[in-house]
Amino acid sequence: MQDRIKVLIVDDSALMRRALKEIIMTDSSLEVVGTARDGQDAIEKVHELNPDVITMDINMPVMDGLTSMQYIQSDYPQMPVLMVSSLTEEGAMTTFEALELGAFDYVAKPSGTVSSNIHIVGREIIEKIKLAYKSVNKKSIRDRVQRRSSVTPTKRYADVKKSEYRKDTKLSKVVVIGISTGGPGTLMEVLPLLPEDLKAAVIIIQHMPPSFTSSFAKRLDGACRIPIKEAEPGDVLQNGRGYLAPGGYQLVIRGDGGTLRLPSTPKTIFMPSVNVTMESVLESYGGKNVIGVLMTGMGDDGADAMVKIRRAGGFTIAEDESTAVVFGMPREAIERGGAEIVLPSYKIADAIIKAVKRA
């Protein structure tokens, strides 16, 4: 019998520890080897129990989850940590910081710090624990963190006077980036490398809870040369600007004027859906003006749209398995013939720039 994946649960709530253990133990391939009540206790339990994966709460007494994770990964660089965070703005910002520091991914508690209905996301927790375990032997998350830390924008939009900002904002091309599990960290490796004079608008479809996207847009904006905002109804696409699709809605284009709409239909597994947005952009601008990018994530959202973009004469890029945290969405695009080129994440920004400049 194959050895089960050993999981350490860290949460200051006894109710949450019990609920998470019940969820995890429903899968015969997983085993809860212990629980910890705070970050300091977690450090001690890691040394004692040597788990394969840690689920880590963020807000805890004695030592918070972010600090605990950094101590643990200092001694165990390959130890995958799955953050279990609240849906508050503060919880979102701390979660993104954890991802940038090396956490594998996160699961959002459905209702507050103590969520009695945590079972709603039970399947997601189990899937991500398994993916986190697989990532250990596949690649070093720390390598990805080190690459991101070397990305330093030379010029921020906020530092440029409005009078100096280019007047040529007429839309040239549209880049649509689709991404899911492992996305926040990967985007931080790609988007900061795009130049402020990029002759294209950039639409980002990241599968993420509705309460997280506003905070994530602000974090992206602070790290990138191009200004990035959470998309709003009526926004008009412009060159050198980024638009993050808000959670819970679809993001579609109205006509060829580049006006954004945020309908609540069609209903799809993920809201927003990469397929819905890519097909909308393709219909509005034609293939030659569209660049599709599909990176890390579970499932196949965006794969069919990538095929359509490529067939219509657009340019498509899929992330290579060597850097994808989860090689699901990009693999599906590649296997269906929707990827013109396949590259590791750290080469995708350069490929986007070249594609935008291509006649």
Protein backbone atom coordinates (compact mmCIF):
# COMPACT_ATOMS: atom_id res chain seq x y z
CA MET A 1 0.00 0.00 0.00
CA GLN A 2 1.32 3.44 -0.91
CA ASP A 3 2.30 5.63 2.05
CA ARG A 4 -0.29 8.24 2.93
CA ILE A 5 0.44 11.96 2.75
CA LYS A 6 1.13 13.20 6.29
CA VAL A 7 -0.61 16.46 7.13
CA LEU A 8 -0.07 18.84 10.05
CA ILE A 9 -3.02 21.13 10.85
CA VAL A 10 -2.22 24.52 12.40
CA ASP A 11 -5.10 26.64 13.73
CA ASP A 12 -5.79 28.36 17.06
CA SER A 13 -9.45 27.26 16.99
CA ALA A 14 -10.18 23.78 18.36
CA LEU A 15 -13.34 23.75 16.25
CA MET A 16 -11.37 24.46 13.08
CA ARG A 17 -8.70 21.88 13.90
CA ARG A 18 -11.39 19.24 14.41
CA ALA A 19 -13.29 20.21 11.25
CA LEU A 20 -10.16 20.24 9.09
CA LYS A 21 -9.13 16.85 10.46
CA GLU A 22 -12.57 15.42 9.62
CA ILE A 23 -12.30 16.75 6.06
CA ILE A 24 -8.78 15.47 5.47
CA MET A 25 -9.44 12.03 6.93
CA THR A 26 -12.26 11.41 4.44
CA ASP A 27 -9.55 10.74 1.84
CA SER A 28 -7.75 7.44 2.33
CA SER A 29 -4.54 8.80 0.78
CA LEU A 30 -4.19 11.45 3.50
CA GLU A 31 -3.31 11.16 7.18
CA VAL A 32 -3.42 13.83 9.88
CA VAL A 33 -0.28 13.22 11.92
CA GLY A 34 -0.88 16.09 14.33
CA THR A 35 -2.34 19.49 15.09
CA ALA A 36 -0.87 22.73 16.42
CA ARG A 37 -2.64 25.57 18.23
CA ASP A 38 -0.34 28.44 17.16
CA GLY A 39 2.73 29.23 15.06
CA GLN A 40 5.26 28.41 17.77
CA ASP A 41 3.58 25.08 18.45
CA ALA A 42 3.66 24.42 14.69
CA ILE A 43 7.45 24.84 14.54
CA GLU A 44 7.88 22.31 17.34
CA LYS A 45 5.43 19.84 15.78
CA VAL A 46 7.17 20.03 12.39
CA HIS A 47 10.47 18.97 13.97
CA GLU A 48 8.72 16.24 15.94
CA LEU A 49 6.36 14.82 13.29
CA ASN A 50 8.05 15.61 9.95
CA PRO A 51 4.80 16.12 7.99
CA ASP A 52 4.60 16.18 4.20
CA VAL A 53 2.20 19.15 4.03
CA ILE A 54 1.11 21.85 6.48
CA THR A 55 -2.24 23.64 6.53
CA MET A 56 -1.53 26.99 8.20
CA ASP A 57 -3.98 29.46 9.72
CA ILE A 58 -2.87 33.09 9.47
CA ASN A 59 -4.18 34.94 12.55
CA MET A 60 -3.06 33.14 15.72
CA PRO A 61 -1.79 34.12 19.18
CA VAL A 62 1.83 33.64 20.33
CA MET A 63 3.06 33.49 16.70
CA ASP A 64 1.08 34.15 13.52
CA GLY A 65 1.07 31.83 10.54
CA LEU A 66 3.19 34.04 8.29
CA THR A 67 6.04 34.22 10.81
CA SER A 68 5.78 30.52 11.59
CA MET A 69 5.94 29.60 7.90
CA GLN A 70 9.15 31.56 7.44
CA TYR A 71 10.83 29.81 10.39
CA ILE A 72 9.70 26.41 9.13
CA GLN A 73 10.84 26.99 5.56
CA SER A 74 14.20 28.23 6.81
CA ASP A 75 14.82 24.74 8.22
CA TYR A 76 12.74 22.85 5.62
CA PRO A 77 12.94 24.81 2.32
CA GLN A 78 10.87 22.23 0.43
CA MET A 79 8.07 21.99 3.01
CA PRO A 80 4.80 22.93 1.24
CA VAL A 81 2.50 25.18 3.26
CA LEU A 82 -1.17 25.65 2.37
CA MET A 83 -2.49 28.87 3.91
CA VAL A 84 -6.04 28.78 5.31
CA SER A 85 -7.14 32.41 5.36
CA SER A 86 -10.17 34.53 6.13
CA LEU A 87 -12.06 36.40 3.43
CA THR A 88 -11.35 39.83 4.93
CA GLU A 89 -9.21 42.44 3.18
CA GLU A 90 -6.57 42.03 5.89
CA GLY A 91 -6.66 38.27 5.40
CA ALA A 92 -6.27 38.69 1.66
CA MET A 93 -3.24 40.97 1.91
CA THR A 94 -1.50 38.64 4.38
CA THR A 95 -2.28 35.67 2.14
CA PHE A 96 -0.64 37.35 -0.87
CA GLU A 97 2.40 38.16 1.26
CA ALA A 98 2.61 34.50 2.29
CA LEU A 99 2.43 33.38 -1.35
CA GLU A 100 5.24 35.77 -2.29
CA LEU A 101 7.35 34.38 0.57
CA GLY A 102 6.92 30.77 -0.54
CA ALA A 103 3.53 29.36 0.50
CA PHE A 104 2.24 26.80 -2.00
CA ASP A 105 -1.29 28.19 -2.25
CA TYR A 106 -4.29 29.12 -0.12
CA VAL A 107 -7.84 28.13 0.74
CA ALA A 108 -10.26 30.83 1.87
CA LYS A 109 -12.47 30.12 4.88
CA PRO A 110 -16.06 30.62 3.74
CA SER A 111 -17.23 32.60 6.78
CA GLY A 112 -14.76 34.29 9.08
CA THR A 113 -11.77 33.18 11.10
CA VAL A 114 -13.81 30.38 12.66
CA SER A 115 -15.91 28.87 9.86
CA SER A 116 -18.30 26.19 11.04
CA ASN A 117 -19.11 25.61 7.37
CA ILE A 118 -15.51 24.92 6.34
CA HIS A 119 -16.76 21.66 4.82
CA ILE A 120 -18.02 23.72 1.86
CA VAL A 121 -14.42 23.97 0.67
CA GLY A 122 -13.50 20.45 1.76
CA ARG A 123 -12.88 19.15 -1.75
CA GLU A 124 -10.64 22.14 -2.53
CA ILE A 125 -8.62 21.54 0.64
CA ILE A 126 -8.04 17.88 -0.22
CA GLU A 127 -7.10 18.64 -3.85
CA LYS A 128 -4.64 21.34 -2.86
CA ILE A 129 -2.99 19.21 -0.19
CA LYS A 130 -2.34 16.56 -2.83
CA LEU A 131 -1.05 19.12 -5.32
CA ALA A 132 1.20 20.64 -2.66
CA TYR A 133 2.70 17.22 -1.95
CA LYS A 134 3.33 16.58 -5.65
CA SER A 135 5.04 19.96 -6.00
CA VAL A 136 7.79 18.95 -3.57
CA ASN A 137 9.39 16.45 -5.93
CA LYS A 138 8.60 18.44 -9.05
CA LYS A 139 10.27 21.76 -8.33
CA SER A 140 11.49 24.06 -5.61
CA ILE A 141 8.98 26.73 -4.67
CA ARG A 142 11.89 28.63 -3.15
CA ASP A 143 13.50 28.88 -6.60
CA ARG A 144 10.35 30.59 -7.85
CA VAL A 145 10.41 32.99 -4.90
CA GLN A 146 14.04 33.87 -5.59
CA ARG A 147 13.27 34.62 -9.23
CA ARG A 148 10.42 36.91 -8.22
CA SER A 149 12.57 38.74 -5.68
CA SER A 150 14.99 39.66 -8.46
CA VAL A 151 12.21 41.41 -10.42
CA THR A 152 12.46 45.12 -9.62
CA PRO A 153 10.54 47.57 -11.81
CA THR A 154 12.75 50.46 -12.91
CA LYS A 155 9.86 52.89 -13.14
CA ARG A 156 6.46 53.04 -11.48
CA TYR A 157 3.37 54.57 -13.03
CA ALA A 158 2.67 56.38 -9.75
CA ASP A 159 5.98 58.20 -10.13
CA VAL A 160 5.11 59.53 -13.57
CA LYS A 161 3.29 62.87 -13.76
CA LYS A 162 0.01 62.67 -15.62
CA SER A 163 1.25 65.30 -18.06
CA GLU A 164 4.22 63.10 -18.88
CA TYR A 165 2.16 59.96 -19.37
CA ARG A 166 1.86 59.10 -23.04
CA LYS A 167 -1.16 60.55 -24.84
CA ASP A 168 -1.34 57.66 -27.33
CA THR A 169 -3.74 55.38 -25.49
CA LYS A 170 -5.56 54.12 -28.59
CA LEU A 171 -5.83 50.38 -28.22
CA SER A 172 -3.46 48.34 -30.37
CA LYS A 173 -3.74 44.77 -29.07
CA VAL A 174 -5.23 42.87 -26.16
CA VAL A 175 -3.38 40.36 -23.99
CA VAL A 176 -5.60 37.98 -22.02
CA ILE A 177 -3.92 36.01 -19.25
CA GLY A 178 -5.77 33.05 -17.73
CA ILE A 179 -4.50 31.54 -14.48
CA SER A 180 -5.73 29.67 -11.40
CA THR A 181 -4.06 27.62 -8.65
CA GLY A 182 -0.60 29.03 -7.97
CA GLY A 183 -1.51 32.14 -9.94
CA PRO A 184 -0.79 35.03 -7.53
CA GLY A 185 2.87 34.10 -7.16
CA THR A 186 3.34 33.35 -10.85
CA LEU A 187 1.76 36.64 -11.91
CA MET A 188 4.23 38.45 -9.67
CA GLU A 189 6.95 36.82 -11.73
CA VAL A 190 5.49 37.93 -15.07
CA LEU A 191 3.55 41.20 -14.86
CA PRO A 192 6.28 43.39 -13.26
CA LEU A 193 8.44 42.78 -16.35
CA LEU A 194 5.94 44.34 -18.77
CA PRO A 195 7.03 47.88 -19.79
CA GLU A 196 4.98 51.01 -19.15
CA ASP A 197 4.85 51.76 -22.88
CA LEU A 198 3.35 48.36 -23.79
CA LYS A 199 1.19 48.80 -26.90
CA ALA A 200 -1.56 46.57 -25.59
CA ALA A 201 -4.14 46.30 -22.81
CA VAL A 202 -3.68 43.40 -20.40
CA ILE A 203 -6.68 41.52 -19.00
CA ILE A 204 -5.99 39.12 -16.12
CA ILE A 205 -8.43 36.32 -15.31
CA GLN A 206 -7.36 34.85 -11.97
CA HIS A 207 -9.69 32.34 -10.29
CA MET A 208 -10.09 33.97 -6.89
CA PRO A 209 -12.82 34.67 -4.26
CA PRO A 210 -14.70 37.95 -4.88
CA SER A 211 -13.41 39.52 -1.67
CA PHE A 212 -9.78 38.92 -2.69
CA THR A 213 -9.58 40.53 -6.14
CA SER A 214 -9.65 44.18 -5.03
CA SER A 215 -6.70 43.65 -2.66
CA PHE A 216 -4.83 41.61 -5.26
CA ALA A 217 -5.27 44.32 -7.89
CA LYS A 218 -3.74 46.86 -5.50
CA ARG A 219 -0.83 44.55 -4.79
CA LEU A 220 -0.21 43.99 -8.51
CA ASP A 221 -0.42 47.72 -9.18
CA GLY A 222 2.23 48.40 -6.57
CA ALA A 223 4.60 45.86 -8.13
CA CYS A 224 4.20 46.63 -11.83
CA ARG A 225 5.32 49.27 -14.31
CA ILE A 226 1.88 49.39 -15.93
CA PRO A 227 -1.06 50.56 -13.78
CA ILE A 228 -3.37 47.69 -12.83
CA LYS A 229 -6.87 48.00 -11.42
CA GLU A 230 -9.80 45.77 -10.59
CA ALA A 231 -12.03 46.00 -13.67
CA GLU A 232 -15.29 47.95 -13.37
CA PRO A 233 -18.29 48.19 -15.72
CA GLY A 234 -17.69 50.93 -18.26
CA ASP A 235 -13.89 50.77 -18.12
CA VAL A 236 -12.39 51.27 -21.58
CA LEU A 237 -9.35 49.19 -22.54
CA GLN A 238 -6.21 51.24 -23.14
CA ASN A 239 -2.63 50.47 -24.09
CA GLY A 240 -0.22 50.02 -21.20
CA ARG A 241 -2.89 49.29 -18.61
CA GLY A 242 -3.92 46.14 -16.77
CA TYR A 243 -7.42 45.03 -15.72
CA LEU A 244 -7.97 42.28 -13.14
CA ALA A 245 -11.35 40.57 -13.46
CA PRO A 246 -13.34 40.77 -10.20
CA GLY A 247 -14.37 37.50 -8.61
CA GLY A 248 -17.96 36.37 -8.97
CA TYR A 249 -18.58 37.92 -12.40
CA GLN A 250 -17.74 37.29 -16.03
CA LEU A 251 -15.60 39.88 -17.81
CA VAL A 252 -16.63 40.54 -21.40
CA ILE A 253 -16.02 43.23 -24.03
CA ARG A 254 -18.83 45.28 -25.55
CA GLY A 255 -18.23 46.02 -29.26
CA ASP A 256 -14.92 47.16 -30.67
CA GLY A 257 -14.71 50.21 -28.41
CA GLY A 258 -13.12 48.19 -25.64
CA THR A 259 -15.80 48.85 -23.02
CA LEU A 260 -15.84 46.28 -20.23
CA ARG A 261 -18.99 44.60 -18.95
CA LEU A 262 -19.34 42.43 -15.85
CA PRO A 263 -22.43 40.21 -16.22
CA SER A 264 -23.26 37.45 -13.74
CA THR A 265 -23.94 35.02 -16.59
CA PRO A 266 -23.17 32.59 -18.06
CA LYS A 267 -22.79 30.53 -14.91
CA THR A 268 -19.54 28.56 -15.03
CA ILE A 269 -17.50 26.54 -12.54
CA PHE A 270 -15.18 29.50 -12.15
CA MET A 271 -16.43 33.09 -12.11
CA PRO A 272 -14.76 34.76 -13.96
CA SER A 273 -14.10 32.19 -16.68
CA VAL A 274 -11.01 32.38 -18.88
CA ASN A 275 -12.92 30.86 -21.81
CA VAL A 276 -15.71 33.44 -21.60
CA THR A 277 -13.34 36.42 -21.55
CA MET A 278 -10.97 35.13 -24.23
CA GLU A 279 -13.84 34.36 -26.61
CA SER A 280 -15.38 37.79 -25.99
CA VAL A 281 -12.08 39.54 -26.78
CA LEU A 282 -11.60 37.36 -29.86
CA GLU A 283 -15.06 38.22 -31.13
CA SER A 284 -14.51 41.96 -30.58
CA TYR A 285 -10.97 42.32 -31.94
CA GLY A 286 -10.27 39.40 -34.25
CA GLY A 287 -7.48 36.90 -33.83
CA LYS A 288 -4.57 38.99 -35.13
CA ASN A 289 -5.03 41.55 -32.36
CA VAL A 290 -5.29 39.03 -29.51
CA ILE A 291 -2.57 37.36 -27.47
CA GLY A 292 -3.74 34.51 -25.26
CA VAL A 293 -1.68 33.30 -22.30
CA LEU A 294 -2.56 30.31 -20.13
CA MET A 295 -0.58 29.50 -17.01
CA THR A 296 -0.73 27.39 -13.86
CA GLY A 297 -4.08 26.05 -12.71
CA MET A 298 -6.32 23.04 -12.22
CA GLY A 299 -8.80 21.94 -14.87
CA ASP A 300 -9.09 23.14 -18.45
CA ASP A 301 -10.60 26.63 -18.32
CA GLY A 302 -9.23 28.64 -21.26
CA ALA A 303 -7.94 25.68 -23.27
CA ASP A 304 -10.73 25.75 -25.86
CA ALA A 305 -10.50 29.53 -26.24
CA MET A 306 -6.74 29.28 -26.81
CA VAL A 307 -7.43 26.92 -29.71
CA LYS A 308 -9.90 29.42 -31.20
CA ILE A 309 -7.47 32.34 -30.83
CA ARG A 310 -4.67 30.43 -32.52
CA ARG A 311 -6.89 29.28 -35.38
CA ALA A 312 -8.04 32.88 -35.90
CA GLY A 313 -4.46 34.06 -36.33
CA GLY A 314 -3.78 35.20 -32.80
CA PHE A 315 -0.67 34.41 -30.77
CA THR A 316 -0.89 31.94 -27.88
CA ILE A 317 1.50 31.11 -25.06
CA ALA A 318 1.23 28.28 -22.51
CA GLU A 319 3.36 27.87 -19.40
CA ASP A 320 5.77 24.95 -19.44
CA GLU A 321 5.42 22.10 -16.97
CA SER A 322 8.85 22.88 -15.51
CA THR A 323 7.55 25.98 -13.71
CA ALA A 324 3.77 25.48 -13.55
CA VAL A 325 2.68 24.99 -9.95
CA VAL A 326 -0.21 22.93 -11.34
CA PHE A 327 0.18 21.75 -14.92
CA GLY A 328 -3.53 21.45 -15.66
CA MET A 329 -4.85 24.38 -17.70
CA PRO A 330 -1.68 24.89 -19.77
CA ARG A 331 -1.36 21.15 -20.45
CA GLU A 332 -4.91 21.03 -21.80
CA ALA A 333 -4.19 23.97 -24.12
CA ILE A 334 -1.02 22.31 -25.39
CA GLU A 335 -2.66 18.91 -25.96
CA ARG A 336 -5.57 20.49 -27.87
CA GLY A 337 -3.23 22.44 -30.13
CA GLY A 338 -3.95 25.83 -28.58
CA ALA A 339 -0.39 26.81 -27.71
CA GLU A 340 1.86 28.30 -30.37
CA ILE A 341 4.76 28.39 -27.95
CA VAL A 342 5.40 26.79 -24.55
CA LEU A 343 7.69 28.58 -22.10
CA PRO A 344 8.66 28.59 -18.41
CA SER A 345 7.03 31.40 -16.43
CA TYR A 346 10.17 33.55 -16.28
CA LYS A 347 10.27 33.81 -20.10
CA ILE A 348 6.60 34.62 -20.66
CA ALA A 349 6.82 38.39 -20.16
CA ASP A 350 9.45 38.67 -22.88
CA ALA A 351 7.31 36.54 -25.21
CA ILE A 352 4.31 38.82 -24.58
CA ILE A 353 6.38 41.91 -25.41
CA LYS A 354 7.62 40.35 -28.66
CA ALA A 355 4.09 39.23 -29.60
CA VAL A 356 2.72 42.74 -29.04
CA LYS A 357 5.40 44.20 -31.32
CA ARG A 358 4.78 41.59 -34.01
CA ALA A 359 3.02 43.06 -37.07
